[in-house]
């Protein structure tokens, strides 16, 4: 299998862009990186670090960057200070990590399903059980052995229990870097055995710098809308750029600004656009925009009393039902978009 094909079997892969294990530049998160460095250099590194924050803000990039640093400097007392470069690593280690060839690093993620020709929807117990052999064997080189769980939110129940067992009795000189977009959904026992390090969404300047570093340019006039739409997530910003997300956003706002009235011709054009060639991605974005619009208006309406929120709460349930039915039984996306927007307009009219 070709290298490009191997990369395409990973859940984080976006065509033409580096995977987190290949990414050498980290934008933002300097405080978190410094905290990891201090813990390692000072001999206070916890055996399991839970890196949390929204999807696409750089958790995996930071995890691999820290892994390269630890693997490059087996003796913590001789690790260079961050002033020499944020978590500096040797070129040899960086190359091995980028190709997935370092013997002391295990990357656990949703596996590729050869039969279905797509990435599985869950991080399975068989993946987590790879840690038994990985930590049971003699280390390939001196120093820590590191397992990156990417992301823990994807684990099924059996996988979560298998990881918990490893965290309860960690092997000597082992390090678990556990990534989570929604840590509240993890087993409390997993959370309690990790040291949590929360990462914030990227600010507009860092987001712009991250996109520039990837060779992506955004028109100056579109930057505020993209920053709001992506909510500090580089991945979401990239998906918006590649899937005409800004145009979906503009059309959504044009319709929403007219609520409770619905411009029917404009609504139908919007539904056609969302359900078009990239309909799956655009529909997910449309659903997120609807939920974001409802959340914003519920917060504003709460100032006028709880009773006024009921209409928005009903619309929230309706939106989630429409999305679930559309995804679950493959309903017509065009009609789903129309129904979704009608539910939003309807709650304003009440």
Protein backbone atom coordinates (compact mmCIF):
# COMPACT_ATOMS: atom_id res chain seq x y z
CA UNK A 1 0.00 0.00 0.00
CA UNK A 2 1.35 3.45 -0.89
CA UNK A 3 2.32 5.91 1.82
CA UNK A 4 -0.41 8.34 0.73
CA UNK A 5 -2.96 5.54 0.98
CA UNK A 6 -1.72 4.68 4.49
CA UNK A 7 -2.24 8.28 5.56
CA UNK A 8 -5.73 8.32 4.07
CA UNK A 9 -6.78 5.49 6.39
CA UNK A 10 -6.41 7.72 9.46
CA UNK A 11 -9.36 9.57 10.94
CA UNK A 12 -7.44 12.86 11.28
CA UNK A 13 -6.35 12.95 7.65
CA UNK A 14 -7.34 15.90 5.49
CA UNK A 15 -6.16 15.68 1.89
CA UNK A 16 -3.06 17.72 1.18
CA UNK A 17 -2.37 18.56 4.83
CA UNK A 18 0.00 17.00 7.38
CA UNK A 19 -1.24 14.61 10.04
CA UNK A 20 -0.70 15.66 13.68
CA UNK A 21 2.23 13.21 13.95
CA UNK A 22 3.83 14.94 10.93
CA UNK A 23 3.12 18.49 12.03
CA UNK A 24 6.24 20.18 13.38
CA UNK A 25 4.74 23.59 14.13
CA UNK A 26 2.48 24.24 17.11
CA UNK A 27 0.41 27.42 17.09
CA UNK A 28 -0.79 28.55 20.50
CA UNK A 29 -0.88 26.40 23.68
CA UNK A 30 2.51 27.72 24.84
CA UNK A 31 1.39 27.64 28.49
CA UNK A 32 0.29 23.99 28.24
CA UNK A 33 3.53 23.03 26.46
CA UNK A 34 5.58 24.79 29.16
CA UNK A 35 3.66 22.97 31.88
CA UNK A 36 4.39 19.61 30.25
CA UNK A 37 8.06 20.55 29.91
CA UNK A 38 8.34 21.59 33.55
CA UNK A 39 6.67 18.40 34.74
CA UNK A 40 9.06 16.24 32.74
CA UNK A 41 12.26 18.17 33.46
CA UNK A 42 11.40 18.40 37.15
CA UNK A 43 10.66 14.70 37.55
CA UNK A 44 7.01 15.40 38.38
CA UNK A 45 5.42 13.97 35.26
CA UNK A 46 2.17 12.12 35.94
CA UNK A 47 1.86 8.76 34.20
CA UNK A 48 -1.34 9.84 32.43
CA UNK A 49 -2.11 13.29 31.01
CA UNK A 50 -5.66 14.07 29.88
CA UNK A 51 -5.50 16.73 27.17
CA UNK A 52 -8.93 18.31 26.79
CA UNK A 53 -10.50 20.94 24.58
CA UNK A 54 -12.69 21.27 21.47
CA UNK A 55 -11.91 19.11 18.45
CA UNK A 56 -9.37 20.47 16.02
CA UNK A 57 -7.58 23.00 18.25
CA UNK A 58 -4.23 21.15 18.32
CA UNK A 59 -4.45 18.55 21.11
CA UNK A 60 -2.98 15.79 18.95
CA UNK A 61 -0.32 18.13 17.56
CA UNK A 62 0.74 19.03 21.12
CA UNK A 63 0.67 15.36 22.19
CA UNK A 64 2.98 14.31 19.37
CA UNK A 65 5.22 17.31 19.94
CA UNK A 66 5.60 16.42 23.61
CA UNK A 67 6.14 12.75 22.73
CA UNK A 68 8.96 13.73 20.34
CA UNK A 69 10.52 15.86 23.08
CA UNK A 70 10.41 13.07 25.69
CA UNK A 71 11.71 10.49 23.22
CA UNK A 72 14.55 12.83 22.21
CA UNK A 73 15.69 13.41 25.79
CA UNK A 74 15.56 10.15 27.74
CA UNK A 75 17.20 11.77 30.77
CA UNK A 76 14.82 14.46 32.10
CA UNK A 77 17.62 16.20 33.99
CA UNK A 78 19.43 16.85 30.71
CA UNK A 79 16.39 18.05 28.77
CA UNK A 80 17.00 21.46 27.17
CA UNK A 81 14.97 24.44 28.38
CA UNK A 82 11.96 25.56 26.32
CA UNK A 83 13.91 28.70 25.41
CA UNK A 84 15.90 26.53 23.01
CA UNK A 85 12.71 26.05 21.04
CA UNK A 86 9.27 24.95 22.22
CA UNK A 87 9.73 21.29 23.22
CA UNK A 88 12.73 20.71 20.90
CA UNK A 89 13.26 17.24 19.41
CA UNK A 90 15.96 15.53 17.42
CA UNK A 91 15.52 15.25 13.66
CA UNK A 92 15.89 11.47 13.86
CA UNK A 93 13.12 11.08 16.43
CA UNK A 94 10.88 13.52 14.55
CA UNK A 95 11.29 11.51 11.34
CA UNK A 96 10.49 8.23 13.09
CA UNK A 97 7.41 9.67 14.80
CA UNK A 98 6.18 11.20 11.53
CA UNK A 99 6.21 7.79 9.84
CA UNK A 100 4.82 5.92 12.84
CA UNK A 101 8.06 3.95 13.13
CA UNK A 102 9.32 4.86 16.61
CA UNK A 103 9.40 1.69 18.77
CA UNK A 104 8.62 3.58 21.98
CA UNK A 105 5.49 5.32 20.68
CA UNK A 106 2.05 3.74 20.23
CA UNK A 107 -0.75 5.71 18.56
CA UNK A 108 -4.19 4.34 19.43
CA UNK A 109 -7.06 5.58 17.26
CA UNK A 110 -10.11 4.32 15.41
CA UNK A 111 -8.88 1.56 13.08
CA UNK A 112 -9.42 1.21 9.37
CA UNK A 113 -12.16 -1.22 8.32
CA UNK A 114 -10.81 -3.06 5.26
CA UNK A 115 -14.19 -4.56 4.45
CA UNK A 116 -16.15 -1.30 4.60
CA UNK A 117 -13.22 0.74 3.24
CA UNK A 118 -13.58 3.44 5.88
CA UNK A 119 -12.43 4.31 9.39
CA UNK A 120 -14.46 2.57 12.08
CA UNK A 121 -16.78 4.66 14.19
CA UNK A 122 -15.29 3.43 17.48
CA UNK A 123 -11.87 3.02 19.05
CA UNK A 124 -12.12 -0.70 19.77
CA UNK A 125 -10.92 -2.84 22.63
CA UNK A 126 -8.51 -4.64 20.29
CA UNK A 127 -6.72 -1.34 19.74
CA UNK A 128 -6.43 -0.63 23.47
CA UNK A 129 -5.19 -4.17 24.09
CA UNK A 130 -2.17 -3.39 21.94
CA UNK A 131 -0.84 -1.65 25.05
CA UNK A 132 -0.37 -5.04 26.75
CA UNK A 133 2.21 -6.15 24.19
CA UNK A 134 3.64 -2.67 23.75
CA UNK A 135 4.36 -2.12 27.43
CA UNK A 136 5.10 -5.78 28.08
CA UNK A 137 8.02 -5.95 25.67
CA UNK A 138 11.42 -4.52 26.45
CA UNK A 139 11.66 -0.92 25.35
CA UNK A 140 13.01 -0.48 21.84
CA UNK A 141 15.26 2.35 23.05
CA UNK A 142 16.01 3.87 26.45
CA UNK A 143 13.49 6.16 28.10
CA UNK A 144 9.74 6.36 28.33
CA UNK A 145 7.28 4.35 26.33
CA UNK A 146 4.36 6.53 25.29
CA UNK A 147 0.79 5.68 24.26
CA UNK A 148 -1.34 8.41 22.66
CA UNK A 149 -5.08 7.68 22.91
CA UNK A 150 -6.66 9.69 20.10
CA UNK A 151 -9.39 10.29 21.02
CA UNK A 152 -10.71 8.69 24.20
CA UNK A 153 -14.23 9.89 23.31
CA UNK A 154 -14.27 7.29 20.52
CA UNK A 155 -13.79 4.30 22.85
CA UNK A 156 -16.58 1.79 23.32
CA UNK A 157 -17.31 0.42 26.81
CA UNK A 158 -14.93 -2.51 26.51
CA UNK A 159 -12.12 -0.29 25.27
CA UNK A 160 -12.68 2.20 28.10
CA UNK A 161 -12.49 -0.57 30.70
CA UNK A 162 -9.31 -1.95 29.12
CA UNK A 163 -7.69 1.49 29.23
CA UNK A 164 -8.79 1.95 32.84
CA UNK A 165 -7.04 -1.26 33.81
CA UNK A 166 -3.79 0.00 32.29
CA UNK A 167 -4.12 3.37 34.03
CA UNK A 168 -4.77 1.69 37.39
CA UNK A 169 -1.54 -0.33 37.18
CA UNK A 170 0.73 1.69 34.88
CA UNK A 171 3.90 -0.03 33.70
CA UNK A 172 7.22 1.44 34.77
CA UNK A 173 8.34 4.50 32.77
CA UNK A 174 5.08 4.59 30.85
CA UNK A 175 3.28 7.71 29.74
CA UNK A 176 -0.31 7.93 28.51
CA UNK A 177 -1.38 11.02 26.59
CA UNK A 178 -5.17 10.76 26.51
CA UNK A 179 -7.02 13.17 24.20
CA UNK A 180 -10.65 14.09 24.80
CA UNK A 181 -13.00 16.58 23.13
CA UNK A 182 -15.71 15.99 25.77
CA UNK A 183 -14.11 14.72 29.00
CA UNK A 184 -17.43 14.73 30.83
CA UNK A 185 -18.43 11.68 28.79
CA UNK A 186 -15.43 9.63 29.94
CA UNK A 187 -15.58 7.20 32.83
CA UNK A 188 -15.05 9.16 36.07
CA UNK A 189 -12.48 6.53 37.05
CA UNK A 190 -10.46 7.29 33.91
CA UNK A 191 -10.58 11.02 34.60
CA UNK A 192 -9.54 10.48 38.22
CA UNK A 193 -6.40 8.59 37.16
CA UNK A 194 -5.22 11.31 34.79
CA UNK A 195 -3.80 14.74 35.32
CA UNK A 196 -6.00 17.07 33.32
CA UNK A 197 -4.52 19.75 31.09
CA UNK A 198 -7.16 21.90 29.39
CA UNK A 199 -6.44 23.60 26.07
CA UNK A 200 -8.38 26.66 24.98
CA UNK A 201 -9.72 27.28 21.47
CA UNK A 202 -7.37 29.36 19.33
CA UNK A 203 -7.91 33.09 19.19
CA UNK A 204 -8.43 34.81 15.83
CA UNK A 205 -4.73 35.69 15.43
CA UNK A 206 -3.51 32.18 16.28
CA UNK A 207 -6.16 30.68 14.02
CA UNK A 208 -5.01 32.89 11.16
CA UNK A 209 -1.36 31.97 11.85
CA UNK A 210 -2.20 28.26 11.90
CA UNK A 211 -4.00 28.45 8.56
CA UNK A 212 -1.14 30.46 7.05
CA UNK A 213 1.39 27.86 8.25
CA UNK A 214 -0.61 25.24 6.35
CA UNK A 215 -0.55 27.32 3.17
CA UNK A 216 -4.20 28.38 3.41
CA UNK A 217 -5.18 31.98 2.81
CA UNK A 218 -8.41 33.68 3.80
CA UNK A 219 -9.67 36.99 2.45
CA UNK A 220 -9.36 39.72 5.06
CA UNK A 221 -13.08 40.39 4.97
CA UNK A 222 -13.88 36.73 5.64
CA UNK A 223 -11.63 36.33 8.68
CA UNK A 224 -14.13 37.51 11.34
CA UNK A 225 -16.84 35.20 9.98
CA UNK A 226 -14.43 32.26 9.76
CA UNK A 227 -13.19 32.86 13.33
CA UNK A 228 -16.77 32.88 14.61
CA UNK A 229 -17.74 29.87 12.54
CA UNK A 230 -14.74 27.73 13.46
CA UNK A 231 -14.87 28.60 17.18
CA UNK A 232 -11.09 28.40 17.47
CA UNK A 233 -10.75 25.02 15.76
CA UNK A 234 -8.22 24.80 12.92
CA UNK A 235 -9.82 21.62 11.64
CA UNK A 236 -13.26 23.18 11.50
CA UNK A 237 -11.85 26.26 9.78
CA UNK A 238 -10.21 24.06 7.14
CA UNK A 239 -13.43 22.12 6.60
CA UNK A 240 -15.32 25.39 6.22
CA UNK A 241 -12.82 26.66 3.65
CA UNK A 242 -12.85 23.43 1.65
CA UNK A 243 -16.61 22.85 1.82
CA UNK A 244 -17.82 26.39 1.10
CA UNK A 245 -18.67 26.81 4.76
CA UNK A 246 -18.50 30.59 4.66
CA UNK A 247 -21.12 30.68 1.92
CA UNK A 248 -23.34 28.30 3.93
CA UNK A 249 -22.86 30.58 6.94
CA UNK A 250 -23.78 33.70 4.96
CA UNK A 251 -26.92 32.10 3.53
CA UNK A 252 -27.92 30.79 6.96
CA UNK A 253 -27.53 34.23 8.54
CA UNK A 254 -29.49 35.89 5.73
CA UNK A 255 -32.41 33.54 6.42
CA UNK A 256 -32.12 33.79 10.21
CA UNK A 257 -32.06 37.57 10.15
CA UNK A 258 -35.50 37.48 8.54
CA UNK A 259 -37.15 35.22 11.16
CA UNK A 260 -40.03 34.65 11.80
CA UNK A 261 -40.60 35.32 8.11
CA UNK A 262 -39.05 32.80 5.73
CA UNK A 263 -38.09 33.84 2.23
CA UNK A 264 -39.21 30.69 0.41
CA UNK A 265 -37.10 31.05 -2.76
CA UNK A 266 -34.01 31.81 -0.65
CA UNK A 267 -34.79 28.87 1.67
CA UNK A 268 -35.06 26.47 -1.27
CA UNK A 269 -31.80 27.73 -2.75
CA UNK A 270 -30.13 27.28 0.63
CA UNK A 271 -31.50 23.73 0.97
CA UNK A 272 -30.28 22.88 -2.54
CA UNK A 273 -26.80 24.19 -1.72
CA UNK A 274 -26.52 22.28 1.56
CA UNK A 275 -27.75 19.05 -0.01
CA UNK A 276 -25.46 19.38 -3.02
CA UNK A 277 -22.20 17.69 -3.91
CA UNK A 278 -20.72 18.10 -0.43
CA UNK A 279 -24.05 17.70 1.27
CA UNK A 280 -22.87 15.49 4.14
CA UNK A 281 -20.34 18.06 5.35
CA UNK A 282 -22.60 21.03 4.64
CA UNK A 283 -25.55 19.43 6.42
CA UNK A 284 -23.47 18.88 9.56
CA UNK A 285 -22.41 22.52 9.41
CA UNK A 286 -26.01 23.64 8.93
CA UNK A 287 -27.04 21.61 12.01
CA UNK A 288 -24.22 23.17 14.05
CA UNK A 289 -25.26 26.64 12.93
CA UNK A 290 -28.83 25.92 13.97
CA UNK A 291 -27.76 24.72 17.41
CA UNK A 292 -25.45 27.71 17.81
CA UNK A 293 -28.24 30.10 16.83
CA UNK A 294 -30.60 28.46 19.34
CA UNK A 295 -28.02 28.54 22.13
CA UNK A 296 -27.37 32.23 21.55
CA UNK A 297 -31.05 33.12 21.57
CA UNK A 298 -31.80 30.97 24.61
CA UNK A 299 -29.11 32.82 26.57
CA UNK A 300 -30.53 36.18 25.49
CA UNK A 301 -34.10 35.12 26.20
CA UNK A 302 -33.29 33.90 29.72
CA UNK A 303 -32.93 37.53 30.71
CA UNK A 304 -36.65 37.91 30.11
CA UNK A 305 -37.68 34.91 32.20
CA UNK A 306 -37.57 31.13 31.93
CA UNK A 307 -41.02 30.82 30.36
CA UNK A 308 -39.87 32.54 27.19
CA UNK A 309 -37.22 29.86 26.62
CA UNK A 310 -39.73 27.04 26.06
CA UNK A 311 -40.13 27.72 22.35
CA UNK A 312 -36.37 27.56 21.81
CA UNK A 313 -36.12 24.38 23.90
CA UNK A 314 -38.74 22.70 21.74
CA UNK A 315 -36.92 23.83 18.60
CA UNK A 316 -33.66 22.41 20.02
CA UNK A 317 -35.31 18.99 20.43
CA UNK A 318 -36.78 19.26 16.94
CA UNK A 319 -33.40 20.08 15.38
CA UNK A 320 -31.74 17.13 17.14
CA UNK A 321 -34.53 14.81 16.04
CA UNK A 322 -34.26 15.95 12.42
CA UNK A 323 -30.48 15.47 12.44
CA UNK A 324 -30.72 12.04 14.09
CA UNK A 325 -33.36 10.83 11.63
CA UNK A 326 -31.46 12.23 8.65
CA UNK A 327 -28.21 10.55 9.69
CA UNK A 328 -29.81 7.37 11.01
CA UNK A 329 -32.13 6.45 8.16
CA UNK A 330 -30.62 8.57 5.40
CA UNK A 331 -33.55 10.94 4.96
CA UNK A 332 -33.58 13.48 2.15
CA UNK A 333 -31.17 16.21 3.23
CA UNK A 334 -32.89 18.93 1.24
CA UNK A 335 -36.17 18.38 3.04
CA UNK A 336 -34.33 18.05 6.35
CA UNK A 337 -32.76 21.50 5.87
CA UNK A 338 -36.16 23.01 5.05
CA UNK A 339 -37.73 21.43 8.15
CA UNK A 340 -34.83 22.52 10.31
CA UNK A 341 -35.07 26.17 9.24
CA UNK A 342 -38.85 26.13 9.61
CA UNK A 343 -38.46 24.97 13.20
CA UNK A 344 -36.15 27.90 13.94
CA UNK A 345 -38.46 30.43 12.34
CA UNK A 346 -41.40 28.90 14.18
CA UNK A 347 -39.89 29.37 17.63
CA UNK A 348 -39.35 33.09 16.94
CA UNK A 349 -42.97 33.48 15.93
CA UNK A 350 -44.23 32.05 19.25
